[in-house]
């Protein structure tokens, strides 16, 4: 049986889950699968409408993505399916090339284009997994993730507010950002519905009671059942309650990407597929990383990237829509007690069966009740303790959090996470590229104190400089300026550079070092390099700089005797000052 499922050395992770499966795990996976499915069915329909697609695309996409995620996903932390961000991005692609009709739905050409976009998106993601380049998730800090999740939660809550108060038939353009939704809701507040507000309050009360009394039960499903019965009861007394529309699948599941469509629109297809795949990678892995961290676990980013890729591949051939890690469904899956990826198989199976058989029953669910439960899920994603930590830890973290959150609320989630990543990287580069050299010596009172930049050395001197930190291209110029400043003193005879803790030398920093050697040579100052690690020595040799330096002035680091290299350098320095009485000063290189 094992060999049947192997492809080369690859085995679907779900087989590992089945290997030691037990009844306790099944109980948690079944409960989580039911909860996720009951949320995913109406969510899938809603996201399809957001993207300008027929409802069946959201339903089939939710089922296929969850099933494929259960097979290829590495665990319980990522539940695949359509998301708000991918739906909005897809709608933007169609709108930018004029494929949206007046009713806000995609044209027939848009439906023909979609399978090719999904196929290319899947190929990008699967290639990233096979090439093992999904490590880019490491460039997304927890600060960015916290801000992104907070912005997404706010958008989820804002989008459901109109349903909670009964604003179902408002006019105007459909808002997409948080503040647009808030403004739209305020403008149309006069059209609120008392029955909707009352039923929302009852739904919230039922959910809170069950969460307090029996938190292990599938309370989302139970609450929807009770609220649906109450909604039917209210309608019998003449109250108007908006319910989900019934649907049916006509059996047209298969969709084959056409080569003629690709040849005609290849630029649009490739650019939109790359944008969607990058968003899926960032969004899905960010969500999985965050949920796994809360549980004290980790995710295999390459495995999860492959899972997302295959999920989109399935959607390409089965009339689905872009699939990523869903924030609400992934959170609900974990909080409902999911134990393994089998919970996603359960959810996918229920969604598929529900889509085929329960279309009419879904129409009994009040829209306001579902919206109320989604608000509870969204609110649970806002972690005040994490927000306080990331906003007060450092100035860089506070700025990164603020930029990510602001962009997410003002513009869009897909732009927010890119803005957060770019901001955090730029601030990191700025931080590591600003070394500050401080010189300490004894003043006239005999006390050790920081010396002024203008302090003049009264006698020939040997200076030892500890070079610590990242000495890559961004820091090379500052490194050169700091050391040159030390060498400007005419009484400096020997400068010893300790390179043990200098990391990531590159061509730029090596060129800066060579220019520094030439400059100090003209100043009649000898430069010695000590505690040179093997990797730094290799870079100096490969770049040709080592051949242009007096080999007697280089002292490699000896791990068995860490002080030997410095001792040899000082001995060499004494020889170079030719018996002059010289003072030794130590410099410390610090980073703000």
Foldseek 3Di string as FASTA:
>chain_A
DQVVQDDPNDHFLLVVCVPPDDPVQVLLLLLLLVLLLVLQLVVLQVLCLLLQHHSVQSLLLQLLLLQLCLRLPNWQQFGKGDALFQSNLNSVLQVVVVQADPVRHGHPLSLLLFLLLLLLLLVVLLVCLVVVVLCCLVLFDVLLLLLLLLLRLLQLLLVLPCLQQPVDDDDDDDDRFNVSSVVSCVVPVVPGFPVSNVLLVVLVVQLVVCCVPPVLGSSLVVSQVVSLVVLVVVVVVPGDFAFDAFDADPPPFFDDNDPVSCVVCVVSSNVSSVLLSVLQSNVQQSSSQVVQVVVVHHGDSSSSSNSQSVSSNSSSTGSYGRMHGYNLSSQSSVSNRNGTSVSSSSNSVCSVCCRHPVRPVRRSGGSSSSSSVSSVSSVVSNDPVVVVCQLPVDPLSVVLSVQLNVCCRPPNSSVSSVSSSVSSVVVVLVQQQDKDKWWWDADPVRDIDTDDLPDADPAAAEEEEEDATECEQSNQVVVLVRVVSVLPHLNYAEYEYECQHYDDYDPNNLVSVLVSCVVSVVSNHHYAYFQAEPVNVVRCVVVPVCVVHDVQRYYHADPVDRCPRVVSNVVVVCVRVPPTDYYYTYMYIGTD
